[in-house]
Protein backbone atom coordinates (compact mmCIF):
# COMPACT_ATOMS: atom_id res chain seq x y z
CA UNK A 1 -103.86 26.91 -53.72
CA UNK A 2 -105.15 28.63 -56.83
CA UNK A 3 -105.92 26.30 -59.70
CA UNK A 4 -104.40 28.86 -62.06
CA UNK A 5 -100.96 28.29 -60.56
CA UNK A 6 -100.15 25.67 -63.14
CA UNK A 7 -100.60 28.29 -65.89
CA UNK A 8 -97.92 30.62 -64.56
CA UNK A 9 -94.18 30.46 -64.91
CA UNK A 10 -93.38 32.52 -61.82
CA UNK A 11 -94.80 32.91 -58.34
CA UNK A 12 -96.82 36.12 -58.05
CA UNK A 13 -97.70 37.47 -54.60
CA UNK A 14 -101.27 36.16 -54.95
CA UNK A 15 -100.01 32.69 -55.85
CA UNK A 16 -97.67 32.76 -52.85
CA UNK A 17 -100.62 33.67 -50.63
CA UNK A 18 -102.67 30.84 -52.12
CA UNK A 19 -99.82 28.39 -51.51
CA UNK A 20 -99.41 29.51 -47.91
CA UNK A 21 -103.14 29.29 -47.25
CA UNK A 22 -103.32 25.84 -48.77
CA UNK A 23 -100.39 24.62 -46.70
CA UNK A 24 -101.92 26.10 -43.57
CA UNK A 25 -105.18 24.36 -44.39
CA UNK A 26 -103.29 21.13 -44.95
CA UNK A 27 -102.19 20.99 -41.32
CA UNK A 28 -105.77 20.23 -40.33
CA UNK A 29 -106.69 18.40 -43.54
CA UNK A 30 -105.44 15.04 -42.39
CA UNK A 31 -107.25 11.76 -42.35
CA UNK A 32 -109.46 11.46 -39.28
CA UNK A 33 -108.24 7.91 -38.81
CA UNK A 34 -105.91 7.63 -35.80
CA UNK A 35 -102.78 5.67 -36.60
CA UNK A 36 -100.56 4.34 -33.82
CA UNK A 37 -96.82 4.95 -33.90
CA UNK A 38 -96.26 1.21 -34.13
CA UNK A 39 -98.47 0.93 -37.19
CA UNK A 40 -96.78 3.90 -38.87
CA UNK A 41 -93.32 2.41 -38.25
CA UNK A 42 -94.48 -0.97 -39.56
CA UNK A 43 -95.93 0.51 -42.75
CA UNK A 44 -92.87 2.63 -43.50
CA UNK A 45 -90.47 -0.23 -42.67
CA UNK A 46 -92.20 -2.60 -45.10
CA UNK A 47 -92.30 0.05 -47.83
CA UNK A 48 -88.64 0.99 -47.30
CA UNK A 49 -87.46 -2.62 -47.53
CA UNK A 50 -89.61 -3.16 -50.61
CA UNK A 51 -88.22 -0.05 -52.28
CA UNK A 52 -84.65 -1.06 -51.35
CA UNK A 53 -84.97 -4.40 -53.13
CA UNK A 54 -86.71 -2.91 -56.13
CA UNK A 55 -84.46 0.10 -56.71
CA UNK A 56 -81.37 -2.09 -56.58
CA UNK A 57 -82.61 -3.31 -59.95
CA UNK A 58 -82.01 0.09 -61.53
CA UNK A 59 -78.24 -0.42 -61.45
CA UNK A 60 -77.60 -3.97 -60.24
CA UNK A 61 -76.94 -5.10 -63.81
CA UNK A 62 -74.41 -2.38 -64.67
CA UNK A 63 -71.32 -4.44 -63.79
CA UNK A 64 -72.90 -7.57 -65.32
CA UNK A 65 -73.60 -5.85 -68.66
CA UNK A 66 -70.35 -7.02 -70.35
CA UNK A 67 -71.14 -10.66 -69.44
CA UNK A 68 -74.71 -10.33 -70.71
CA UNK A 69 -73.42 -8.78 -73.93
CA UNK A 70 -71.10 -11.76 -74.42
CA UNK A 71 -73.76 -14.38 -73.57
CA UNK A 72 -76.41 -12.95 -75.89
CA UNK A 73 -74.09 -11.47 -78.54
CA UNK A 74 -75.47 -7.92 -78.27
CA UNK A 75 -73.89 -4.46 -78.38
CA UNK A 76 -73.66 -1.90 -75.57
CA UNK A 77 -76.36 0.19 -77.30
CA UNK A 78 -78.72 -2.81 -77.12
CA UNK A 79 -77.72 -3.87 -73.60
CA UNK A 80 -78.37 -0.41 -72.17
CA UNK A 81 -82.08 -1.03 -72.79
CA UNK A 82 -82.02 -3.27 -69.72
CA UNK A 83 -81.65 -0.01 -67.76
CA UNK A 84 -83.40 2.41 -70.12
CA UNK A 85 -86.35 0.04 -70.63
CA UNK A 86 -86.68 -0.31 -66.86
CA UNK A 87 -86.76 3.48 -66.47
CA UNK A 88 -89.06 3.93 -69.49
CA UNK A 89 -91.65 1.61 -67.93
CA UNK A 90 -91.43 3.47 -64.63
CA UNK A 91 -91.86 6.79 -66.44
CA UNK A 92 -95.10 5.45 -67.97
CA UNK A 93 -96.42 3.86 -64.74
CA UNK A 94 -95.65 6.57 -62.20
CA UNK A 95 -97.94 9.28 -63.69
CA UNK A 96 -100.88 6.95 -62.95
CA UNK A 97 -99.98 6.63 -59.26
CA UNK A 98 -101.58 9.97 -58.35
CA UNK A 99 -104.91 8.38 -59.36
CA UNK A 100 -104.00 5.02 -57.79
CA UNK A 101 -103.19 6.55 -54.40
CA UNK A 102 -106.64 8.11 -54.21
CA UNK A 103 -108.47 5.09 -55.59
CA UNK A 104 -106.86 2.15 -53.71
CA UNK A 105 -105.55 1.43 -50.22
CA UNK A 106 -101.84 1.20 -49.42
CA UNK A 107 -102.13 -2.55 -48.85
CA UNK A 108 -103.75 -3.27 -52.21
CA UNK A 109 -101.18 -1.24 -54.12
CA UNK A 110 -98.38 -2.92 -52.17
CA UNK A 111 -99.60 -6.43 -53.02
CA UNK A 112 -99.92 -5.58 -56.73
CA UNK A 113 -96.46 -3.94 -56.82
CA UNK A 114 -94.66 -6.81 -55.07
CA UNK A 115 -96.46 -9.42 -57.16
CA UNK A 116 -95.29 -7.74 -60.36
CA UNK A 117 -91.76 -7.56 -59.02
CA UNK A 118 -91.68 -11.25 -58.07
CA UNK A 119 -93.02 -12.33 -61.49
CA UNK A 120 -90.53 -10.13 -63.36
CA UNK A 121 -87.62 -11.31 -61.23
CA UNK A 122 -88.50 -14.96 -61.83
CA UNK A 123 -88.66 -14.35 -65.57
CA UNK A 124 -85.26 -12.61 -65.62
CA UNK A 125 -83.66 -15.27 -63.41
CA UNK A 126 -84.26 -18.04 -65.93
CA UNK A 127 -83.88 -15.92 -69.11
CA UNK A 128 -82.08 -17.68 -71.96
CA UNK A 129 -82.24 -14.80 -74.45
CA UNK A 130 -82.28 -11.01 -74.48
CA UNK A 131 -86.03 -10.49 -75.13
CA UNK A 132 -86.88 -12.63 -72.08
CA UNK A 133 -84.63 -10.78 -69.67
CA UNK A 134 -85.88 -7.46 -71.07
CA UNK A 135 -89.48 -8.56 -70.51
CA UNK A 136 -88.60 -9.48 -66.92
CA UNK A 137 -87.05 -6.07 -66.35
CA UNK A 138 -90.15 -4.32 -67.70
CA UNK A 139 -92.46 -6.30 -65.39
CA UNK A 140 -90.15 -5.53 -62.44
CA UNK A 141 -90.34 -1.84 -63.30
CA UNK A 142 -94.14 -1.93 -63.14
CA UNK A 143 -93.92 -2.86 -59.46
CA UNK A 144 -91.13 -0.40 -58.71
CA UNK A 145 -93.09 2.45 -60.30
CA UNK A 146 -95.91 1.89 -57.81
CA UNK A 147 -93.80 1.45 -54.65
CA UNK A 148 -91.77 4.68 -54.92
CA UNK A 149 -94.71 7.14 -54.86
CA UNK A 150 -96.39 4.91 -52.26
CA UNK A 151 -93.39 5.31 -49.94
CA UNK A 152 -93.15 9.08 -50.44
CA UNK A 153 -96.85 9.78 -50.01
CA UNK A 154 -97.12 7.56 -46.94
CA UNK A 155 -94.20 9.43 -45.35
CA UNK A 156 -95.75 12.83 -46.01
CA UNK A 157 -99.14 11.81 -44.66
CA UNK A 158 -97.95 9.94 -41.56
CA UNK A 159 -94.87 11.90 -40.40
CA UNK A 160 -95.16 15.37 -38.76
CA UNK A 161 -93.51 18.20 -40.74
CA UNK A 162 -90.81 18.76 -38.08
CA UNK A 163 -89.53 15.20 -38.56
CA UNK A 164 -89.92 14.83 -42.32
CA UNK A 165 -86.32 15.72 -43.15
CA UNK A 166 -85.03 12.95 -40.90
CA UNK A 167 -87.47 10.35 -42.25
CA UNK A 168 -86.87 11.47 -45.83
CA UNK A 169 -83.18 10.99 -45.09
CA UNK A 170 -83.91 7.36 -44.31
CA UNK A 171 -85.98 7.10 -47.49
CA UNK A 172 -83.16 8.59 -49.52
CA UNK A 173 -80.87 5.84 -48.25
CA UNK A 174 -83.06 3.63 -50.40
CA UNK A 175 -83.60 5.91 -53.38
CA UNK A 176 -80.02 7.12 -53.73
CA UNK A 177 -77.91 4.46 -52.06
CA UNK A 178 -79.54 1.33 -53.48
CA UNK A 179 -78.50 2.28 -57.04
CA UNK A 180 -75.05 3.21 -55.72
CA UNK A 181 -74.36 -0.17 -54.09
CA UNK A 182 -76.02 -2.13 -56.88
CA UNK A 183 -72.79 -2.41 -58.91
CA UNK A 184 -70.88 -3.69 -55.87
CA UNK A 185 -73.38 -6.46 -55.19
CA UNK A 186 -73.48 -7.26 -58.89
CA UNK A 187 -69.68 -7.50 -59.06
CA UNK A 188 -69.50 -9.89 -56.12
CA UNK A 189 -72.33 -12.09 -57.39
CA UNK A 190 -71.16 -12.23 -61.01
CA UNK A 191 -67.59 -12.98 -59.95
CA UNK A 192 -68.66 -15.86 -57.69
CA UNK A 193 -71.61 -17.23 -59.68
CA UNK A 194 -73.17 -15.76 -62.85
CA UNK A 195 -75.36 -12.82 -63.83
CA UNK A 196 -78.48 -15.05 -63.50
CA UNK A 197 -77.93 -15.07 -59.74
CA UNK A 198 -78.22 -11.29 -59.61
CA UNK A 199 -81.94 -11.93 -60.01
CA UNK A 200 -82.00 -15.40 -58.44
CA UNK A 201 -80.90 -14.12 -55.02
CA UNK A 202 -83.52 -11.35 -55.08
CA UNK A 203 -86.40 -13.69 -55.90
CA UNK A 204 -86.77 -15.24 -52.40
CA UNK A 205 -86.33 -11.80 -50.81
CA UNK A 206 -89.19 -10.45 -52.91
CA UNK A 207 -91.42 -13.38 -51.95
CA UNK A 208 -90.59 -12.90 -48.25
CA UNK A 209 -91.35 -9.16 -48.31
CA UNK A 210 -94.62 -9.80 -50.17
CA UNK A 211 -95.68 -12.33 -47.53
CA UNK A 212 -94.61 -10.11 -44.59
CA UNK A 213 -96.27 -7.01 -46.00
CA UNK A 214 -99.51 -8.85 -46.62
CA UNK A 215 -99.61 -9.68 -42.90
CA UNK A 216 -98.37 -6.34 -41.50
CA UNK A 217 -100.24 -3.85 -43.66
CA UNK A 218 -103.87 -3.12 -43.00
CA UNK A 219 -106.43 -1.91 -45.56
CA UNK A 220 -106.50 1.52 -43.92
CA UNK A 221 -106.79 4.98 -45.45
CA UNK A 222 -109.50 6.94 -47.20
CA UNK A 223 -110.21 6.17 -50.86
CA UNK A 224 -112.72 7.47 -53.34
CA UNK A 225 -114.17 5.96 -56.48
CA UNK A 226 -112.42 8.08 -59.10
CA UNK A 227 -113.07 7.22 -62.75
CA UNK A 228 -109.99 6.33 -64.77
CA UNK A 229 -109.45 8.82 -67.58
CA UNK A 230 -108.27 6.42 -70.29
CA UNK A 231 -107.26 9.16 -72.80
CA UNK A 232 -104.93 10.63 -70.16
CA UNK A 233 -103.34 7.22 -69.54
CA UNK A 234 -102.77 6.66 -73.26
CA UNK A 235 -101.36 10.15 -73.75
CA UNK A 236 -98.99 9.68 -70.78
CA UNK A 237 -97.71 6.40 -72.21
CA UNK A 238 -97.19 7.89 -75.68
CA UNK A 239 -95.65 11.08 -74.29
CA UNK A 240 -93.22 9.75 -71.70
CA UNK A 241 -92.64 6.49 -73.54
CA UNK A 242 -91.85 8.17 -76.87
CA UNK A 243 -89.40 10.62 -75.33
CA UNK A 244 -87.53 8.01 -73.28
CA UNK A 245 -87.42 5.64 -76.27
CA UNK A 246 -85.85 8.36 -78.41
CA UNK A 247 -83.34 9.23 -75.71
CA UNK A 248 -82.40 5.57 -75.39
CA UNK A 249 -81.82 5.38 -79.14
CA UNK A 250 -79.46 8.32 -79.60
CA UNK A 251 -76.86 6.08 -81.21
CA UNK A 252 -79.43 4.83 -83.72
CA UNK A 253 -80.44 8.40 -84.54
CA UNK A 254 -76.81 9.33 -85.24
CA UNK A 255 -76.53 6.24 -87.46
CA UNK A 256 -79.43 7.54 -89.57
CA UNK A 257 -82.32 5.45 -88.22
CA UNK A 258 -85.48 7.63 -88.44
CA UNK A 259 -87.67 5.48 -86.14
CA UNK A 260 -86.43 7.02 -82.83
CA UNK A 261 -86.99 10.50 -84.26
CA UNK A 262 -90.57 9.54 -85.06
CA UNK A 263 -90.87 8.31 -81.47
CA UNK A 264 -89.54 11.64 -80.22
CA UNK A 265 -92.05 13.63 -82.27
CA UNK A 266 -94.93 11.44 -81.11
CA UNK A 267 -93.66 11.73 -77.53
CA UNK A 268 -93.56 15.53 -77.61
CA UNK A 269 -97.03 15.70 -79.18
CA UNK A 270 -98.42 13.16 -76.71
CA UNK A 271 -96.93 14.96 -73.71
CA UNK A 272 -98.27 18.33 -74.93
CA UNK A 273 -101.76 16.89 -75.34
CA UNK A 274 -101.49 15.21 -71.92
CA UNK A 275 -100.61 18.51 -70.21
CA UNK A 276 -103.39 20.34 -72.06
CA UNK A 277 -105.95 17.71 -71.06
CA UNK A 278 -104.93 17.79 -67.39
CA UNK A 279 -105.29 21.56 -67.27
CA UNK A 280 -108.71 21.39 -68.88
CA UNK A 281 -109.93 18.65 -66.53
CA UNK A 282 -108.63 20.52 -63.49
CA UNK A 283 -110.20 23.79 -64.59
CA UNK A 284 -113.60 22.36 -65.52
CA UNK A 285 -114.20 19.59 -63.01
CA UNK A 286 -111.31 19.42 -60.50
CA UNK A 287 -110.77 15.83 -61.69
CA UNK A 288 -107.39 15.87 -63.44
CA UNK A 289 -105.80 12.46 -63.83
CA UNK A 290 -102.48 14.06 -62.79
CA UNK A 291 -102.89 17.40 -61.05
CA UNK A 292 -100.24 19.77 -62.43
CA UNK A 293 -100.71 22.52 -59.84
CA UNK A 294 -97.51 21.54 -57.98
CA UNK A 295 -95.60 23.20 -60.84
CA UNK A 296 -97.05 26.51 -59.64
CA UNK A 297 -94.86 26.24 -56.51
CA UNK A 298 -91.35 27.59 -57.09
CA UNK A 299 -89.59 25.27 -54.63
CA UNK A 300 -91.22 22.27 -56.27
CA UNK A 301 -90.10 23.31 -59.76
CA UNK A 302 -86.54 24.04 -58.73
CA UNK A 303 -86.21 21.04 -56.42
CA UNK A 304 -87.44 18.62 -59.06
CA UNK A 305 -85.07 20.16 -61.62
CA UNK A 306 -82.05 19.51 -59.40
CA UNK A 307 -83.30 15.98 -58.64
CA UNK A 308 -83.60 15.24 -62.38
CA UNK A 309 -80.02 16.34 -63.00
CA UNK A 310 -78.73 14.37 -60.01
CA UNK A 311 -80.50 11.19 -61.12
CA UNK A 312 -79.26 11.67 -64.68
CA UNK A 313 -75.66 11.94 -63.48
CA UNK A 314 -75.93 9.09 -60.99
CA UNK A 315 -77.51 6.49 -63.28
CA UNK A 316 -75.56 7.65 -66.33
CA UNK A 317 -72.25 7.52 -64.46
CA UNK A 318 -73.05 4.14 -62.92
CA UNK A 319 -73.52 2.85 -66.48
CA UNK A 320 -70.36 4.44 -67.93
CA UNK A 321 -67.90 3.88 -65.06
CA UNK A 322 -67.91 0.03 -65.12
CA UNK A 323 -67.38 0.06 -68.89
CA UNK A 324 -64.46 2.47 -68.46
CA UNK A 325 -62.86 0.39 -65.72
CA UNK A 326 -63.46 -3.03 -67.29
CA UNK A 327 -63.17 -2.45 -71.04
CA UNK A 328 -60.88 0.57 -70.91
CA UNK A 329 -58.55 -0.14 -67.99
CA UNK A 330 -58.77 -3.92 -67.69
CA UNK A 331 -60.09 -4.20 -64.11
CA UNK A 332 -61.94 -7.37 -63.11
CA UNK A 333 -65.67 -7.35 -62.44
CA UNK A 334 -65.04 -7.89 -58.71
CA UNK A 335 -62.58 -5.00 -58.54
CA UNK A 336 -65.06 -2.68 -60.24
CA UNK A 337 -67.72 -3.62 -57.72
CA UNK A 338 -65.40 -3.01 -54.77
CA UNK A 339 -64.24 0.33 -56.20
CA UNK A 340 -67.82 1.60 -55.98
CA UNK A 341 -68.51 0.20 -52.50
CA UNK A 342 -66.99 2.96 -50.26
CA UNK A 343 -68.97 5.69 -51.99
CA UNK A 344 -72.20 3.74 -51.64
CA UNK A 345 -71.59 3.07 -47.95
CA UNK A 346 -70.75 6.69 -47.20
CA UNK A 347 -73.85 7.83 -49.05
CA UNK A 348 -75.97 5.47 -46.98
CA UNK A 349 -74.43 6.43 -43.64
CA UNK A 350 -74.67 10.18 -44.24
CA UNK A 351 -78.18 10.41 -45.73
CA UNK A 352 -80.02 10.36 -42.33
CA UNK A 353 -77.55 12.89 -40.88
CA UNK A 354 -78.07 15.14 -43.88
CA UNK A 355 -81.82 14.87 -43.27
CA UNK A 356 -81.30 16.18 -39.75
CA UNK A 357 -79.11 19.00 -41.06
CA UNK A 358 -81.90 19.96 -43.44
CA UNK A 359 -84.41 20.03 -40.55
CA UNK A 360 -82.12 22.42 -38.68
CA UNK A 361 -80.58 24.64 -41.36
CA UNK A 362 -82.78 24.33 -44.43
CA UNK A 363 -81.76 23.31 -47.96
CA UNK A 364 -79.20 25.88 -49.13
CA UNK A 365 -76.31 25.11 -46.71
CA UNK A 366 -76.56 21.46 -47.74
CA UNK A 367 -77.60 21.51 -51.40
CA UNK A 368 -75.19 24.16 -52.70
CA UNK A 369 -72.02 22.29 -51.60
CA UNK A 370 -73.73 19.05 -52.67
CA UNK A 371 -74.12 20.20 -56.27
CA UNK A 372 -70.50 21.39 -56.27
CA UNK A 373 -69.23 18.00 -55.07
CA UNK A 374 -71.42 16.15 -57.58
CA UNK A 375 -70.11 18.25 -60.45
CA UNK A 376 -66.52 17.99 -59.23
CA UNK A 377 -66.87 14.21 -59.30
CA UNK A 378 -67.86 14.27 -62.98
CA UNK A 379 -64.91 16.47 -63.98
CA UNK A 380 -62.48 14.42 -61.88
CA UNK A 381 -63.69 11.27 -63.67
CA UNK A 382 -63.02 13.16 -66.90
CA UNK A 383 -59.32 13.24 -65.93
CA UNK A 384 -58.97 9.44 -65.58
CA UNK A 385 -56.15 8.13 -67.80
CA UNK A 386 -54.69 4.65 -68.54
CA UNK A 387 -52.20 4.96 -65.66
CA UNK A 388 -54.63 6.36 -63.08
CA UNK A 389 -54.41 4.54 -59.75
CA UNK A 390 -57.31 2.77 -58.09
CA UNK A 391 -57.13 5.04 -55.02
CA UNK A 392 -57.85 8.10 -57.18
CA UNK A 393 -60.93 6.48 -58.71
CA UNK A 394 -62.24 5.42 -55.28
CA UNK A 395 -61.71 8.95 -53.95
CA UNK A 396 -63.53 10.52 -56.88
CA UNK A 397 -66.45 8.13 -56.50
CA UNK A 398 -66.68 9.01 -52.80
CA UNK A 399 -66.75 12.72 -53.71
CA UNK A 400 -69.50 12.08 -56.24
CA UNK A 401 -71.52 9.94 -53.79
CA UNK A 402 -71.23 12.53 -51.02
CA UNK A 403 -72.65 15.15 -53.38
CA UNK A 404 -75.57 12.83 -54.20
CA UNK A 405 -76.31 12.31 -50.50
CA UNK A 406 -76.35 16.08 -49.91
CA UNK A 407 -78.83 16.61 -52.75
CA UNK A 408 -81.38 13.80 -52.58
CA UNK A 409 -82.84 14.20 -49.07
CA UNK A 410 -83.16 18.03 -49.02
CA UNK A 411 -84.56 18.21 -52.55
CA UNK A 412 -87.20 15.53 -52.02
CA UNK A 413 -88.22 17.08 -48.70
CA UNK A 414 -88.36 20.71 -49.82
CA UNK A 415 -90.11 19.92 -53.11
CA UNK A 416 -92.92 17.84 -51.61
CA UNK A 417 -93.02 19.70 -48.28
CA UNK A 418 -93.82 22.94 -50.13
CA UNK A 419 -97.10 21.49 -51.39
CA UNK A 420 -100.50 21.46 -49.70
CA UNK A 421 -101.60 18.14 -48.24
CA UNK A 422 -104.15 17.43 -50.97
CA UNK A 423 -101.42 17.56 -53.64
CA UNK A 424 -98.97 15.18 -51.95
CA UNK A 425 -100.01 12.19 -54.07
CA UNK A 426 -99.87 14.07 -57.36
CA UNK A 427 -96.68 15.90 -56.40
CA UNK A 428 -95.03 12.59 -55.51
CA UNK A 429 -96.15 11.09 -58.82
CA UNK A 430 -94.76 14.06 -60.76
CA UNK A 431 -91.46 14.07 -58.85
CA UNK A 432 -90.87 10.34 -59.24
CA UNK A 433 -91.84 10.42 -62.92
CA UNK A 434 -89.39 13.21 -63.67
CA UNK A 435 -86.67 11.53 -61.59
CA UNK A 436 -86.99 8.39 -63.69
CA UNK A 437 -87.15 10.47 -66.85
CA UNK A 438 -83.96 12.20 -65.73
CA UNK A 439 -82.33 8.84 -64.97
CA UNK A 440 -83.32 7.46 -68.36
CA UNK A 441 -82.03 10.60 -70.05
CA UNK A 442 -78.70 10.44 -68.23
CA UNK A 443 -78.25 6.74 -68.94
CA UNK A 444 -79.08 7.15 -72.62
CA UNK A 445 -77.09 10.34 -73.28
CA UNK A 446 -73.96 9.39 -71.34
CA UNK A 447 -73.96 5.93 -72.95
CA UNK A 448 -74.41 7.50 -76.38
CA UNK A 449 -71.57 9.95 -75.65
CA UNK A 450 -69.38 7.02 -74.61
CA UNK A 451 -70.20 5.05 -77.77
CA UNK A 452 -69.73 7.97 -80.14
CA UNK A 453 -66.54 9.14 -78.44
CA UNK A 454 -65.08 5.64 -78.65
CA UNK A 455 -66.05 5.35 -82.33
CA UNK A 456 -64.29 8.62 -83.18
CA UNK A 457 -61.18 7.47 -81.30
CA UNK A 458 -61.12 4.18 -83.24
CA UNK A 459 -61.32 6.08 -86.53
CA UNK A 460 -58.35 8.12 -85.30
CA UNK A 461 -56.30 4.94 -84.81
CA UNK A 462 -56.74 4.36 -81.08
CA UNK A 463 -56.75 0.84 -79.64
CA UNK A 464 -59.99 -0.60 -78.27
CA UNK A 465 -58.97 0.09 -74.68
CA UNK A 466 -57.89 3.67 -75.38
CA UNK A 467 -61.05 4.24 -77.39
CA UNK A 468 -63.21 3.27 -74.40
CA UNK A 469 -61.28 5.71 -72.21
CA UNK A 470 -61.73 8.48 -74.79
CA UNK A 471 -65.43 7.74 -74.98
CA UNK A 472 -65.72 7.90 -71.20
CA UNK A 473 -64.03 11.32 -71.27
CA UNK A 474 -66.75 12.60 -73.60
CA UNK A 475 -69.48 11.12 -71.37
CA UNK A 476 -68.12 12.55 -68.12
CA UNK A 477 -67.47 15.93 -69.76
CA UNK A 478 -71.12 16.05 -70.78
CA UNK A 479 -72.08 15.10 -67.22
CA UNK A 480 -69.89 17.87 -65.85
CA UNK A 481 -71.78 20.44 -67.92
CA UNK A 482 -75.11 19.17 -66.55
CA UNK A 483 -73.69 19.46 -63.05
CA UNK A 484 -72.91 23.14 -63.59
CA UNK A 485 -76.60 23.72 -64.36
CA UNK A 486 -77.50 22.21 -60.97
CA UNK A 487 -74.98 24.50 -59.24
CA UNK A 488 -76.69 27.53 -60.81
CA UNK A 489 -80.17 26.44 -59.68
CA UNK A 490 -79.33 25.49 -56.07
CA UNK A 491 -79.03 29.02 -54.54
CA UNK A 492 -82.61 29.87 -55.53
CA UNK A 493 -84.17 27.06 -53.47
CA UNK A 494 -85.51 28.35 -50.16
CA UNK A 495 -86.58 26.78 -46.89
CA UNK A 496 -90.30 26.03 -46.76
CA UNK A 497 -90.79 28.28 -43.72
CA UNK A 498 -89.17 31.18 -45.60
CA UNK A 499 -91.76 30.84 -48.36
CA UNK A 500 -94.58 30.83 -45.79
CA UNK A 501 -93.28 34.03 -44.16
CA UNK A 502 -92.88 35.73 -47.53
CA UNK A 503 -96.43 34.82 -48.51
CA UNK A 504 -97.88 36.20 -45.29
């Protein structure tokens, strides 16, 4: 693929030809090492289980947030950093994984990732104050940020193209469903024990997976001694970190605190310098820390855009909905967890089937109705009132979860499958970074909308419960608008084979 693709905003015929040639070349550009089916299944199984445990941590605290707020005497704006800080760390770590995947073996990266997760989980389990639990979450996120691109890249390298949709469907059970069932598990655990056990029960599982993976995985795969471009790492941290920090501090910005705005300015400058440096390195020496050429592929750009919106709505809604149901409508923590269980189960059961549908029909017949269902879920949540029955809320959450299932698998598969083999690692790093950035954005903005909407309602004389419901209306209305953007993008995403034919 032409190295100038990253400088263009649209796919010219020559760029399409370059993409097709690169993808054709990629079919024979595989590692000469012969991997048995048993080894491939073992590697993917270990990575899937690892990712399942880790990604649960993105949302497992959502139902427990009110209890943590009470224990530590903190506000919702402060507590949301347990999610936003987790995503911020991942957004800083994941851009480095393109380099890591070329420099280190799968086994070495796995051991480092699981070790970080176990240490962070232990720290959070025994936390007696907010800074300690936040530190544990950040260390956990360091491991999660490595495992996600590791899972995606391993799938793309090991699985034949004709079966990728199905396998990606299994992967999306982890990426999309784990956050969806996190609140249910959290509700059951917190109701029976305490929020400390949300981490305490995961600690032995993390140790077991680390031990099993160390035995099952082999130090296979080709690596090369790439130098680490330290300026790129620092610019990525400043860029992504500054932007996510500012997004997570929207309430503080509205209150007149200038620090998050300074973070936003530094983030934008850092990200701009990061992009400029990667282009220069790629053009001069083919040694970019994060290769940006995947953005020259239309399907990648559009697919990642829809994924960002979906992650923003999922993680933002998972943060807002428990607050609405507990603080606004008076439901117990166990009830809130059970309300969100059917949607999570349906999402998990359907994801592999949706992967097969993608293999057969391509993305449009699945993604277009998926974006419509996702958006409908946001607007139906907007209509929740004090007297709304529990059956309505369960039904809306199922609608929302079905839309997520119909988006995640096709978008991950079509975005990464449109790239040449040599860009899989960098494409996976970019996609996962932007997914986490989207999740952090959704969590921060929907939480800020909830807080501000509730504050306005209180000024207008509403009770605390009614104010929380009013704030949730603002949050879900904002989410509904984002969903409409996804609906508009979906029809322009094409099947990978269609792009190949057009290029020829």
